[in-house]
Amino acid sequence: MTTTSGAPGRKLTAKGLATRERIVRAAAELIYENGAQNTNNEQIREAAGVSGSQLTRHFPTKESLVRAVLGWQADGIVARHQAPELGELDSLAALYRWADSYIASQDMLRGGCTFGSLAAEVVKAEPAYRDAVADGFERWRELFRRGLGKMRERGELRPEADPAALAHLLTAAFQGGALLDQAAGDSAPLRDALYGALAYIESFAVRPGPDGAPAGGR
């Protein structure tokens, strides 16, 4: 079985796909640690265990490699948000589990969000990356928007709750909190940002019972 590679018009065998994946993974780890500007081909070749010709065959330009890394990081973010314990992010309980999983993550203290850190660096330095960055964030926000939309459709959130606006809120709270976590070396900023955003979403919860408990709460 073959599939399209990062180089236009080329096809890859299973071995070629594995090599490409190894290059992207190595580049992603180096860029996460050092930034895109401070990561060069020699470092990537050594980390991935490939030759210069293999690297340029798959990624003839740095832009093509950075785009691949952005896509790879976005895939990872989406996959993490689709973990079985989170379901479809369509309940307050699931959203709190999502928040808690990141608050407890040492990655947030070490280097911040994998996708957001790279996105912030490259979108400012090179406008050509904006479409790749926008696509990654849109895929991420869509997971929240869809889950929140289902909650509203089921009557768990009041009709005036706007899933798109609330999805933007969650993404922004995460990105800002992750950056502050990284700067402070403390998980409190991310916790406060995410719990604040979730408390606002919870303010739209329909209270079905006489005890006043919001539907789908923690």
N, C-alpha and C. Protein backbone atom coordinates (compact mmCIF):
# COMPACT_ATOMS: atom_id res chain seq x y z
N MET A 1 0.85 -1.20 0.00
CA MET A 1 0.00 0.00 0.00
C MET A 1 0.89 1.24 0.00
N THR A 2 0.52 2.24 -0.77
CA THR A 2 1.30 3.48 -0.83
C THR A 2 0.40 4.66 -0.52
N THR A 3 1.03 5.76 -0.19
CA THR A 3 0.29 6.98 0.07
C THR A 3 1.13 8.17 -0.31
N THR A 4 0.51 9.33 -0.38
CA THR A 4 1.24 10.52 -0.79
C THR A 4 2.19 10.98 0.29
N SER A 5 3.38 11.39 -0.09
CA SER A 5 4.37 11.88 0.86
C SER A 5 4.26 13.38 0.99
N GLY A 6 5.20 13.97 1.79
CA GLY A 6 5.23 15.41 1.94
C GLY A 6 5.68 16.11 0.67
N ALA A 7 6.37 15.42 -0.22
CA ALA A 7 6.82 16.01 -1.47
C ALA A 7 5.73 15.83 -2.51
N PRO A 8 5.30 16.89 -3.19
CA PRO A 8 4.20 16.81 -4.14
C PRO A 8 4.44 15.78 -5.24
N GLY A 9 3.41 15.01 -5.55
CA GLY A 9 3.48 14.08 -6.66
C GLY A 9 4.18 12.76 -6.38
N ARG A 10 4.70 12.56 -5.18
CA ARG A 10 5.41 11.33 -4.86
C ARG A 10 4.53 10.41 -4.02
N LYS A 11 4.84 9.10 -4.14
CA LYS A 11 4.15 8.10 -3.35
C LYS A 11 5.16 7.42 -2.44
N LEU A 12 4.68 6.92 -1.31
CA LEU A 12 5.57 6.29 -0.35
C LEU A 12 5.16 4.85 -0.09
N THR A 13 6.17 4.00 0.06
CA THR A 13 5.94 2.63 0.51
C THR A 13 5.80 2.66 2.02
N ALA A 14 5.50 1.51 2.61
CA ALA A 14 5.40 1.43 4.07
C ALA A 14 6.72 1.83 4.72
N LYS A 15 7.84 1.42 4.12
CA LYS A 15 9.15 1.78 4.66
C LYS A 15 9.36 3.28 4.57
N GLY A 16 8.96 3.86 3.45
CA GLY A 16 9.09 5.30 3.29
C GLY A 16 8.23 6.07 4.28
N LEU A 17 7.02 5.57 4.52
CA LEU A 17 6.14 6.20 5.50
C LEU A 17 6.76 6.18 6.89
N ALA A 18 7.39 5.03 7.23
CA ALA A 18 8.01 4.92 8.55
C ALA A 18 9.17 5.90 8.68
N THR A 19 9.94 6.07 7.62
CA THR A 19 11.04 7.02 7.64
C THR A 19 10.52 8.44 7.81
N ARG A 20 9.48 8.76 7.04
CA ARG A 20 8.89 10.10 7.14
C ARG A 20 8.36 10.37 8.54
N GLU A 21 7.69 9.38 9.11
CA GLU A 21 7.15 9.53 10.47
C GLU A 21 8.28 9.75 11.46
N ARG A 22 9.39 9.03 11.29
CA ARG A 22 10.52 9.17 12.20
C ARG A 22 11.12 10.57 12.11
N ILE A 23 11.20 11.10 10.91
CA ILE A 23 11.73 12.45 10.71
C ILE A 23 10.82 13.48 11.38
N VAL A 24 9.52 13.36 11.15
CA VAL A 24 8.58 14.33 11.71
C VAL A 24 8.59 14.28 13.23
N ARG A 25 8.62 13.07 13.77
CA ARG A 25 8.62 12.93 15.22
C ARG A 25 9.88 13.54 15.82
N ALA A 26 11.03 13.25 15.21
CA ALA A 26 12.29 13.81 15.71
C ALA A 26 12.29 15.33 15.61
N ALA A 27 11.82 15.84 14.48
CA ALA A 27 11.77 17.29 14.30
C ALA A 27 10.83 17.93 15.31
N ALA A 28 9.69 17.29 15.55
CA ALA A 28 8.72 17.83 16.50
C ALA A 28 9.31 17.93 17.90
N GLU A 29 10.05 16.91 18.31
CA GLU A 29 10.64 16.92 19.65
C GLU A 29 11.73 17.99 19.76
N LEU A 30 12.54 18.12 18.72
CA LEU A 30 13.60 19.13 18.74
C LEU A 30 13.02 20.54 18.72
N ILE A 31 12.01 20.74 17.89
CA ILE A 31 11.39 22.06 17.79
C ILE A 31 10.69 22.42 19.09
N TYR A 32 10.07 21.43 19.73
CA TYR A 32 9.41 21.69 21.01
C TYR A 32 10.41 22.14 22.05
N GLU A 33 11.59 21.53 22.03
CA GLU A 33 12.62 21.87 23.02
C GLU A 33 13.35 23.17 22.68
N ASN A 34 13.66 23.37 21.39
CA ASN A 34 14.56 24.46 21.00
C ASN A 34 13.92 25.56 20.17
N GLY A 35 12.72 25.32 19.63
CA GLY A 35 12.11 26.27 18.72
C GLY A 35 12.49 25.97 17.29
N ALA A 36 11.65 26.38 16.36
CA ALA A 36 11.89 26.10 14.94
C ALA A 36 13.15 26.80 14.43
N GLN A 37 13.37 28.04 14.86
CA GLN A 37 14.51 28.80 14.38
C GLN A 37 15.84 28.20 14.83
N ASN A 38 15.84 27.53 15.96
CA ASN A 38 17.08 26.97 16.51
C ASN A 38 17.24 25.48 16.23
N THR A 39 16.44 24.96 15.34
CA THR A 39 16.54 23.55 14.95
C THR A 39 17.00 23.47 13.51
N ASN A 40 18.09 22.73 13.27
CA ASN A 40 18.63 22.64 11.91
C ASN A 40 18.61 21.22 11.38
N ASN A 41 18.92 21.08 10.11
CA ASN A 41 18.86 19.77 9.44
C ASN A 41 19.80 18.76 10.07
N GLU A 42 20.98 19.20 10.47
CA GLU A 42 21.95 18.27 11.05
C GLU A 42 21.41 17.66 12.33
N GLN A 43 20.79 18.47 13.17
CA GLN A 43 20.19 17.96 14.40
C GLN A 43 19.07 16.97 14.10
N ILE A 44 18.26 17.29 13.12
CA ILE A 44 17.14 16.42 12.76
C ILE A 44 17.64 15.10 12.19
N ARG A 45 18.63 15.17 11.31
CA ARG A 45 19.19 13.93 10.73
C ARG A 45 19.73 13.02 11.82
N GLU A 46 20.46 13.60 12.76
CA GLU A 46 21.05 12.79 13.84
C GLU A 46 19.96 12.18 14.71
N ALA A 47 18.97 12.98 15.09
CA ALA A 47 17.91 12.50 15.97
C ALA A 47 17.06 11.43 15.29
N ALA A 48 16.80 11.60 14.00
CA ALA A 48 15.94 10.65 13.28
C ALA A 48 16.72 9.46 12.73
N GLY A 49 18.05 9.56 12.69
CA GLY A 49 18.86 8.47 12.15
C GLY A 49 18.70 8.32 10.66
N VAL A 50 18.66 9.46 9.94
CA VAL A 50 18.50 9.42 8.48
C VAL A 50 19.63 10.20 7.84
N SER A 51 19.79 9.98 6.55
CA SER A 51 20.81 10.71 5.79
C SER A 51 20.25 12.04 5.32
N GLY A 52 21.16 12.89 4.83
CA GLY A 52 20.72 14.16 4.29
C GLY A 52 19.82 13.99 3.09
N SER A 53 20.13 13.00 2.25
CA SER A 53 19.31 12.78 1.06
C SER A 53 17.92 12.28 1.44
N GLN A 54 17.82 11.46 2.47
CA GLN A 54 16.51 11.01 2.93
C GLN A 54 15.68 12.17 3.45
N LEU A 55 16.33 13.05 4.20
CA LEU A 55 15.62 14.20 4.75
C LEU A 55 15.09 15.09 3.63
N THR A 56 15.95 15.42 2.67
CA THR A 56 15.51 16.33 1.60
C THR A 56 14.55 15.65 0.64
N ARG A 57 14.60 14.32 0.53
CA ARG A 57 13.66 13.61 -0.32
C ARG A 57 12.23 13.77 0.22
N HIS A 58 12.11 13.66 1.53
CA HIS A 58 10.78 13.79 2.14
C HIS A 58 10.38 15.24 2.35
N PHE A 59 11.35 16.07 2.70
CA PHE A 59 11.07 17.47 3.01
C PHE A 59 12.11 18.36 2.34
N PRO A 60 11.86 18.74 1.11
CA PRO A 60 12.85 19.52 0.36
C PRO A 60 13.09 20.92 0.91
N THR A 61 12.15 21.45 1.71
CA THR A 61 12.32 22.77 2.30
C THR A 61 11.99 22.71 3.79
N LYS A 62 12.50 23.69 4.52
CA LYS A 62 12.17 23.75 5.95
C LYS A 62 10.69 24.02 6.14
N GLU A 63 10.11 24.81 5.25
CA GLU A 63 8.67 25.09 5.37
C GLU A 63 7.85 23.81 5.28
N SER A 64 8.23 22.92 4.36
CA SER A 64 7.47 21.67 4.22
C SER A 64 7.57 20.83 5.49
N LEU A 65 8.74 20.87 6.15
CA LEU A 65 8.91 20.10 7.38
C LEU A 65 8.14 20.74 8.53
N VAL A 66 8.21 22.05 8.67
CA VAL A 66 7.49 22.72 9.74
C VAL A 66 5.99 22.52 9.59
N ARG A 67 5.50 22.56 8.35
CA ARG A 67 4.07 22.30 8.12
C ARG A 67 3.70 20.88 8.55
N ALA A 68 4.58 19.94 8.23
CA ALA A 68 4.32 18.56 8.63
C ALA A 68 4.29 18.43 10.16
N VAL A 69 5.19 19.14 10.83
CA VAL A 69 5.23 19.10 12.29
C VAL A 69 3.97 19.74 12.87
N LEU A 70 3.54 20.85 12.30
CA LEU A 70 2.29 21.47 12.76
C LEU A 70 1.13 20.49 12.63
N GLY A 71 1.04 19.81 11.50
CA GLY A 71 -0.03 18.83 11.30
C GLY A 71 0.08 17.68 12.28
N TRP A 72 1.31 17.22 12.52
CA TRP A 72 1.55 16.11 13.44
C TRP A 72 1.16 16.50 14.87
N GLN A 73 1.55 17.72 15.27
CA GLN A 73 1.19 18.19 16.61
C GLN A 73 -0.32 18.35 16.74
N ALA A 74 -0.97 18.87 15.69
CA ALA A 74 -2.43 19.00 15.73
C ALA A 74 -3.10 17.64 15.84
N ASP A 75 -2.58 16.65 15.10
CA ASP A 75 -3.12 15.29 15.20
C ASP A 75 -3.04 14.78 16.64
N GLY A 76 -1.90 15.07 17.30
CA GLY A 76 -1.72 14.62 18.67
C GLY A 76 -2.70 15.27 19.63
N ILE A 77 -2.93 16.56 19.44
CA ILE A 77 -3.89 17.28 20.28
C ILE A 77 -5.29 16.69 20.10
N VAL A 78 -5.68 16.49 18.85
CA VAL A 78 -7.01 15.94 18.57
C VAL A 78 -7.15 14.54 19.17
N ALA A 79 -6.12 13.71 19.00
CA ALA A 79 -6.17 12.35 19.54
C ALA A 79 -6.31 12.36 21.06
N ARG A 80 -5.58 13.26 21.72
CA ARG A 80 -5.66 13.32 23.18
C ARG A 80 -7.05 13.74 23.63
N HIS A 81 -7.69 14.61 22.87
CA HIS A 81 -9.03 15.06 23.23
C HIS A 81 -10.10 14.02 22.90
N GLN A 82 -9.71 12.95 22.21
CA GLN A 82 -10.65 11.89 21.87
C GLN A 82 -10.38 10.63 22.68
N ALA A 83 -9.69 10.78 23.80
CA ALA A 83 -9.43 9.64 24.69
C ALA A 83 -10.76 9.06 25.18
N PRO A 84 -10.83 7.74 25.35
CA PRO A 84 -12.10 7.10 25.74
C PRO A 84 -12.74 7.71 26.98
N GLU A 85 -11.93 8.10 27.96
CA GLU A 85 -12.52 8.63 29.20
C GLU A 85 -13.16 10.01 29.01
N LEU A 86 -12.88 10.66 27.88
CA LEU A 86 -13.46 11.98 27.62
C LEU A 86 -14.71 11.89 26.75
N GLY A 87 -14.95 10.72 26.18
CA GLY A 87 -16.11 10.56 25.32
C GLY A 87 -16.08 11.57 24.18
N GLU A 88 -17.15 12.31 24.01
CA GLU A 88 -17.22 13.33 22.96
C GLU A 88 -17.18 14.74 23.54
N LEU A 89 -16.63 14.86 24.76
CA LEU A 89 -16.55 16.15 25.43
C LEU A 89 -17.93 16.82 25.48
N ASP A 90 -18.94 16.01 25.70
CA ASP A 90 -20.31 16.53 25.65
C ASP A 90 -21.00 16.49 27.01
N SER A 91 -20.22 16.68 28.06
CA SER A 91 -20.79 16.83 29.40
C SER A 91 -19.81 17.66 30.22
N LEU A 92 -20.32 18.31 31.26
CA LEU A 92 -19.44 19.07 32.13
C LEU A 92 -18.44 18.15 32.82
N ALA A 93 -18.88 16.95 33.17
CA ALA A 93 -17.98 16.01 33.82
C ALA A 93 -16.80 15.68 32.90
N ALA A 94 -17.07 15.45 31.63
CA ALA A 94 -16.00 15.15 30.68
C ALA A 94 -15.07 16.35 30.50
N LEU A 95 -15.62 17.54 30.46
CA LEU A 95 -14.80 18.74 30.30
C LEU A 95 -13.90 18.94 31.52
N TYR A 96 -14.40 18.66 32.70
CA TYR A 96 -13.56 18.75 33.89
C TYR A 96 -12.47 17.68 33.88
N ARG A 97 -12.79 16.48 33.39
CA ARG A 97 -11.75 15.44 33.29
C ARG A 97 -10.68 15.88 32.31
N TRP A 98 -11.11 16.49 31.20
CA TRP A 98 -10.14 17.01 30.23
C TRP A 98 -9.23 18.04 30.89
N ALA A 99 -9.81 18.99 31.60
CA ALA A 99 -9.02 20.03 32.25
C ALA A 99 -8.05 19.43 33.25
N ASP A 100 -8.54 18.52 34.07
CA ASP A 100 -7.69 17.92 35.10
C ASP A 100 -6.52 17.15 34.50
N SER A 101 -6.73 16.52 33.35
CA SER A 101 -5.64 15.75 32.73
C SER A 101 -4.50 16.66 32.32
N TYR A 102 -4.80 17.87 31.90
CA TYR A 102 -3.75 18.81 31.52
C TYR A 102 -3.15 19.52 32.73
N ILE A 103 -3.96 19.83 33.71
CA ILE A 103 -3.45 20.49 34.91
C ILE A 103 -2.41 19.62 35.59
N ALA A 104 -2.60 18.31 35.53
CA ALA A 104 -1.67 17.37 36.16
C ALA A 104 -0.47 17.05 35.28
N SER A 105 -0.45 17.56 34.04
CA SER A 105 0.61 17.19 33.10
C SER A 105 1.87 18.02 33.31
N GLN A 106 2.99 17.34 33.46
CA GLN A 106 4.27 18.04 33.60
C GLN A 106 4.71 18.69 32.29
N ASP A 107 4.15 18.23 31.17
CA ASP A 107 4.49 18.85 29.88
C ASP A 107 4.13 20.32 29.86
N MET A 108 3.04 20.68 30.54
CA MET A 108 2.61 22.07 30.55
C MET A 108 3.65 22.95 31.27
N LEU A 109 4.27 22.38 32.29
CA LEU A 109 5.28 23.13 33.03
C LEU A 109 6.61 23.16 32.27
N ARG A 110 6.89 22.09 31.53
CA ARG A 110 8.18 21.99 30.84
C ARG A 110 8.25 22.86 29.61
N GLY A 111 7.22 22.79 28.77
CA GLY A 111 7.33 23.51 27.51
C GLY A 111 6.03 24.06 26.96
N GLY A 112 4.97 23.98 27.74
CA GLY A 112 3.69 24.49 27.26
C GLY A 112 3.02 23.54 26.28
N CYS A 113 1.99 24.03 25.63
CA CYS A 113 1.24 23.24 24.65
C CYS A 113 2.11 22.94 23.44
N THR A 114 2.16 21.69 23.02
CA THR A 114 3.02 21.31 21.90
C THR A 114 2.65 22.04 20.62
N PHE A 115 1.37 22.09 20.31
CA PHE A 115 0.93 22.76 19.09
C PHE A 115 0.97 24.28 19.27
N GLY A 116 0.45 24.77 20.38
CA GLY A 116 0.38 26.21 20.60
C GLY A 116 1.75 26.87 20.66
N SER A 117 2.73 26.19 21.25
CA SER A 117 4.07 26.77 21.33
C SER A 117 4.67 26.99 19.96
N LEU A 118 4.57 25.98 19.10
CA LEU A 118 5.10 26.11 17.74
C LEU A 118 4.27 27.11 16.94
N ALA A 119 2.96 27.06 17.08
CA ALA A 119 2.09 27.97 16.34
C ALA A 119 2.44 29.42 16.65
N ALA A 120 2.64 29.72 17.94
CA ALA A 120 2.94 31.09 18.35
C ALA A 120 4.27 31.56 17.75
N GLU A 121 5.23 30.65 17.66
CA GLU A 121 6.53 31.03 17.11
C GLU A 121 6.46 31.29 15.61
N VAL A 122 5.88 30.34 14.87
CA VAL A 122 5.99 30.43 13.41
C VAL A 122 5.00 31.40 12.79
N VAL A 123 3.83 31.57 13.40
CA VAL A 123 2.84 32.44 12.76
C VAL A 123 3.29 33.89 12.81
N LYS A 124 4.08 34.24 13.79
CA LYS A 124 4.60 35.61 13.88
C LYS A 124 5.79 35.80 12.95
N ALA A 125 6.64 34.78 12.85
CA ALA A 125 7.85 34.90 12.05
C ALA A 125 7.60 34.74 10.56
N GLU A 126 6.60 33.93 10.20
CA GLU A 126 6.38 33.63 8.79
C GLU A 126 4.88 33.50 8.51
N PRO A 127 4.27 34.53 7.92
CA PRO A 127 2.83 34.50 7.64
C PRO A 127 2.38 33.32 6.78
N ALA A 128 3.30 32.71 6.03
CA ALA A 128 2.92 31.59 5.17
C ALA A 128 2.39 30.39 5.96
N TYR A 129 2.69 30.35 7.26
CA TYR A 129 2.24 29.22 8.08
C TYR A 129 0.84 29.43 8.65
N ARG A 130 0.26 30.59 8.42
CA ARG A 130 -1.00 30.91 9.10
C ARG A 130 -2.12 29.94 8.77
N ASP A 131 -2.17 29.46 7.53
CA ASP A 131 -3.25 28.53 7.18
C ASP A 131 -3.11 27.22 7.93
N ALA A 132 -1.87 26.73 8.09
CA ALA A 132 -1.65 25.48 8.82
C ALA A 132 -1.98 25.65 10.29
N VAL A 133 -1.61 26.80 10.85
CA VAL A 133 -1.92 27.08 12.26
C VAL A 133 -3.43 27.21 12.45
N ALA A 134 -4.08 27.97 11.56
CA ALA A 134 -5.52 28.15 11.68
C ALA A 134 -6.26 26.82 11.56
N ASP A 135 -5.81 25.95 10.66
CA ASP A 135 -6.45 24.65 10.49
C ASP A 135 -6.33 23.81 11.76
N GLY A 136 -5.14 23.82 12.38
CA GLY A 136 -4.95 23.05 13.60
C GLY A 136 -5.85 23.52 14.72
N PHE A 137 -5.91 24.84 14.92
CA PHE A 137 -6.78 25.36 15.97
C PHE A 137 -8.25 25.10 15.66
N GLU A 138 -8.64 25.17 14.39
CA GLU A 138 -10.03 24.92 14.03
C GLU A 138 -10.43 23.47 14.33
N ARG A 139 -9.55 22.53 14.03
CA ARG A 139 -9.83 21.12 14.35
C ARG A 139 -10.01 20.93 15.85
N TRP A 140 -9.19 21.61 16.62
CA TRP A 140 -9.26 21.53 18.07
C TRP A 140 -10.55 22.14 18.59
N ARG A 141 -10.86 23.37 18.15
CA ARG A 141 -12.07 24.04 18.61
C ARG A 141 -13.33 23.27 18.22
N GLU A 142 -13.29 22.62 17.06
CA GLU A 142 -14.46 21.90 16.60
C GLU A 142 -14.85 20.78 17.55
N LEU A 143 -13.88 20.17 18.22
CA LEU A 143 -14.19 19.13 19.20
C LEU A 143 -15.02 19.70 20.34
N PHE A 144 -14.62 20.86 20.83
CA PHE A 144 -15.39 21.51 21.90
C PHE A 144 -16.75 21.97 21.38
N ARG A 145 -16.75 22.60 20.21
CA ARG A 145 -18.00 23.13 19.66
C ARG A 145 -19.04 22.02 19.49
N ARG A 146 -18.59 20.88 18.97
CA ARG A 146 -19.51 19.76 18.75
C ARG A 146 -20.05 19.23 20.07
N GLY A 147 -19.16 19.05 21.05
CA GLY A 147 -19.61 18.54 22.35
C GLY A 147 -20.56 19.49 23.04
N LEU A 148 -20.23 20.78 23.04
CA LEU A 148 -21.11 21.77 23.66
C LEU A 148 -22.44 21.88 22.92
N GLY A 149 -22.39 21.73 21.60
CA GLY A 149 -23.62 21.75 20.82
C GLY A 149 -24.54 20.61 21.21
N LYS A 150 -23.97 19.44 21.45
CA LYS A 150 -24.79 18.30 21.86
C LYS A 150 -25.42 18.54 23.23
N MET A 151 -24.65 19.18 24.12
CA MET A 151 -25.20 19.48 25.44
C MET A 151 -26.38 20.44 25.32
N ARG A 152 -26.27 21.42 24.43
CA ARG A 152 -27.38 22.36 24.24
C ARG A 152 -28.57 21.65 23.60
N GLU A 153 -28.32 20.79 22.63
CA GLU A 153 -29.40 20.06 21.96
C GLU A 153 -30.16 19.17 22.94
N ARG A 154 -29.45 18.60 23.90
CA ARG A 154 -30.10 17.74 24.89
C ARG A 154 -30.79 18.53 26.00
N GLY A 155 -30.66 19.84 25.95
CA GLY A 155 -31.29 20.67 26.96
C GLY A 155 -30.49 20.81 28.23
N GLU A 156 -29.20 20.43 28.20
CA GLU A 156 -28.35 20.54 29.38
C GLU A 156 -27.75 21.95 29.51
N LEU A 157 -27.69 22.67 28.40
CA LEU A 157 -27.29 24.07 28.41
C LEU A 157 -28.44 24.91 27.88
N ARG A 158 -28.60 26.10 28.40
CA ARG A 158 -29.68 26.97 27.97
C ARG A 158 -29.51 27.35 26.49
N PRO A 159 -30.58 27.67 25.79
CA PRO A 159 -30.51 27.98 24.36
C PRO A 159 -29.55 29.12 24.03
N GLU A 160 -29.37 30.07 24.93
CA GLU A 160 -28.50 31.21 24.63
C GLU A 160 -27.01 30.87 24.71
N ALA A 161 -26.67 29.68 25.19
CA ALA A 161 -25.27 29.25 25.19
C ALA A 161 -24.80 29.09 23.74
N ASP A 162 -23.72 29.74 23.39
CA ASP A 162 -23.19 29.70 22.03
C ASP A 162 -22.00 28.74 21.98
N PRO A 163 -22.17 27.54 21.42
CA PRO A 163 -21.08 26.56 21.41
C PRO A 163 -19.79 27.08 20.77
N ALA A 164 -19.91 27.85 19.69
CA ALA A 164 -18.71 28.37 19.03
C ALA A 164 -17.96 29.33 19.93
N ALA A 165 -18.69 30.24 20.57
CA ALA A 165 -18.04 31.21 21.46
C ALA A 165 -17.43 30.52 22.67
N LEU A 166 -18.13 29.53 23.22
CA LEU A 166 -17.61 28.81 24.38
C LEU A 166 -16.40 27.96 24.00
N ALA A 167 -16.38 27.44 22.78
CA ALA A 167 -15.21 26.69 22.31
C ALA A 167 -13.99 27.60 22.20
N HIS A 168 -14.21 28.84 21.71
CA HIS A 168 -13.12 29.81 21.67
C HIS A 168 -12.61 30.10 23.09
N LEU A 169 -13.53 30.22 24.03
CA LEU A 169 -13.16 30.50 25.41
C LEU A 169 -12.28 29.40 25.98
N LEU A 170 -12.66 28.15 25.77
CA LEU A 170 -11.88 27.04 26.30
C LEU A 170 -10.48 27.00 25.69
N THR A 171 -10.40 27.19 24.38
CA THR A 171 -9.10 27.15 23.71
C THR A 171 -8.21 28.29 24.19
N ALA A 172 -8.77 29.49 24.31
CA ALA A 172 -7.99 30.64 24.75
C ALA A 172 -7.55 30.48 26.21
N ALA A 173 -8.43 29.96 27.05
CA ALA A 173 -8.07 29.74 28.45
C ALA A 173 -6.93 28.73 28.56
N PHE A 174 -7.00 27.71 27.73
CA PHE A 174 -5.94 26.70 27.75
C PHE A 174 -4.61 27.30 27.31
N GLN A 175 -4.62 28.01 26.18
CA GLN A 175 -3.37 28.56 25.65
C GLN A 175 -2.74 29.57 26.61
N GLY A 176 -3.55 30.49 27.12
CA GLY A 176 -3.02 31.48 28.05
C GLY A 176 -2.53 30.85 29.34
N GLY A 177 -3.32 29.91 29.87
CA GLY A 177 -2.92 29.25 31.11
C GLY A 177 -1.66 28.42 30.94
N ALA A 178 -1.51 27.76 29.80
CA ALA A 178 -0.32 26.95 29.54
C ALA A 178 0.93 27.82 29.49
N LEU A 179 0.83 28.99 28.87
CA LEU A 179 1.97 29.89 28.78
C LEU A 179 2.36 30.39 30.17
N LEU A 180 1.37 30.76 30.97
CA LEU A 180 1.65 31.23 32.33
C LEU A 180 2.22 30.12 33.20
N ASP A 181 1.73 28.90 33.01
CA ASP A 181 2.30 27.74 33.71
C ASP A 181 3.78 27.61 33.43
N GLN A 182 4.11 27.68 32.13
CA GLN A 182 5.49 27.52 31.70
C GLN A 182 6.38 28.60 32.31
N ALA A 183 5.88 29.83 32.35
CA ALA A 183 6.67 30.94 32.88
C ALA A 183 6.85 30.82 34.39
N ALA A 184 5.78 30.40 35.08
CA ALA A 184 5.82 30.35 36.54
C ALA A 184 6.35 29.04 37.09
N GLY A 185 6.35 27.98 36.26
CA GLY A 185 6.73 26.66 36.76
C GLY A 185 5.73 26.15 37.78
N ASP A 186 4.48 26.52 37.59
CA ASP A 186 3.43 26.19 38.55
C ASP A 186 2.15 25.94 37.77
N SER A 187 1.38 24.94 38.18
CA SER A 187 0.16 24.60 37.45
C SER A 187 -1.04 25.47 37.82
N ALA A 188 -0.88 26.37 38.79
CA ALA A 188 -2.00 27.18 39.24
C ALA A 188 -2.61 28.05 38.14
N PRO A 189 -1.80 28.71 37.29
CA PRO A 189 -2.42 29.55 36.26
C PRO A 189 -3.33 28.78 35.30
N LEU A 190 -2.88 27.60 34.86
CA LEU A 190 -3.70 26.80 33.96
C LEU A 190 -4.96 26.31 34.67
N ARG A 191 -4.81 25.89 35.90
CA ARG A 191 -5.97 25.44 36.67
C ARG A 191 -6.99 26.56 36.82
N ASP A 192 -6.52 27.73 37.19
CA ASP A 192 -7.44 28.85 37.40
C ASP A 192 -8.12 29.26 36.09
N ALA A 193 -7.35 29.28 35.00
CA ALA A 193 -7.92 29.67 33.70
C ALA A 193 -8.98 28.67 33.24
N LEU A 194 -8.65 27.38 33.32
CA LEU A 194 -9.60 26.36 32.85
C LEU A 194 -10.82 26.26 33.76
N TYR A 195 -10.61 26.27 35.07
CA TYR A 195 -11.76 26.20 35.96
C TYR A 195 -12.64 27.44 35.83
N GLY A 196 -12.02 28.60 35.58
CA GLY A 196 -12.82 29.80 35.36
C GLY A 196 -13.67 29.69 34.11
N ALA A 197 -13.07 29.17 33.03
CA ALA A 197 -13.82 28.99 31.78
C ALA A 197 -14.94 27.98 31.96
N LEU A 198 -14.65 26.89 32.67
CA LEU A 198 -15.67 25.87 32.89
C LEU A 198 -16.79 26.37 33.80
N ALA A 199 -16.43 27.21 34.77
CA ALA A 199 -17.46 27.78 35.64
C ALA A 199 -18.41 28.67 34.82
N TYR A 200 -17.85 29.38 33.85
CA TYR A 200 -18.70 30.22 33.00
C TYR A 200 -19.63 29.34 32.16
N ILE A 201 -19.08 28.26 31.60
CA ILE A 201 -19.93 27.34 30.83
C ILE A 201 -21.01 26.74 31.73
N GLU A 202 -20.62 26.40 32.95
CA GLU A 202 -21.58 25.80 33.89
C GLU A 202 -22.69 26.78 34.25
N SER A 203 -22.43 28.08 34.11
CA SER A 203 -23.47 29.07 34.41
C SER A 203 -24.63 28.99 33.43
N PHE A 204 -24.40 28.33 32.28
CA PHE A 204 -25.47 28.13 31.29
C PHE A 204 -26.22 26.82 31.51
N ALA A 205 -25.79 26.03 32.51
CA ALA A 205 -26.41 24.73 32.72
C ALA A 205 -27.86 24.87 33.15
N VAL A 206 -28.71 24.03 32.59
CA VAL A 206 -30.12 23.97 33.00
C VAL A 206 -30.19 23.23 34.32
N ARG A 207 -30.97 23.75 35.22
CA ARG A 207 -31.10 23.11 36.54
C ARG A 207 -32.43 22.35 36.57
N PRO A 208 -32.38 21.04 36.33
CA PRO A 208 -33.62 20.29 36.14
C PRO A 208 -34.35 19.90 37.42
N GLY A 209 -33.61 19.88 38.53
CA GLY A 209 -34.25 19.35 39.73
C GLY A 209 -34.44 20.40 40.80
N PRO A 210 -35.21 20.08 41.82
CA PRO A 210 -35.46 21.02 42.91
C PRO A 210 -34.22 21.32 43.73
N ASP A 211 -33.24 20.43 43.66
CA ASP A 211 -32.01 20.67 44.45
C ASP A 211 -31.09 21.69 43.78
N GLY A 212 -31.42 22.08 42.53
CA GLY A 212 -30.64 23.11 41.84
C GLY A 212 -29.34 22.64 41.26
N ALA A 213 -29.07 21.32 41.24
CA ALA A 213 -27.81 20.81 40.70
C ALA A 213 -27.80 20.94 39.18
N PRO A 214 -26.72 21.48 38.60
CA PRO A 214 -26.66 21.61 37.14
C PRO A 214 -26.55 20.26 36.48
N ALA A 215 -27.18 20.11 35.33
CA ALA A 215 -27.11 18.85 34.59
C ALA A 215 -25.69 18.57 34.18
N GLY A 216 -25.24 17.33 34.38
CA GLY A 216 -23.93 16.92 33.90
C GLY A 216 -22.76 17.48 34.69
N GLY A 217 -22.96 18.00 35.91
CA GLY A 217 -21.88 18.58 36.66
C GLY A 217 -20.88 17.54 37.13
N ARG A 218 -19.88 18.03 37.86
CA ARG A 218 -18.81 17.12 38.30
C ARG A 218 -19.30 16.10 39.29
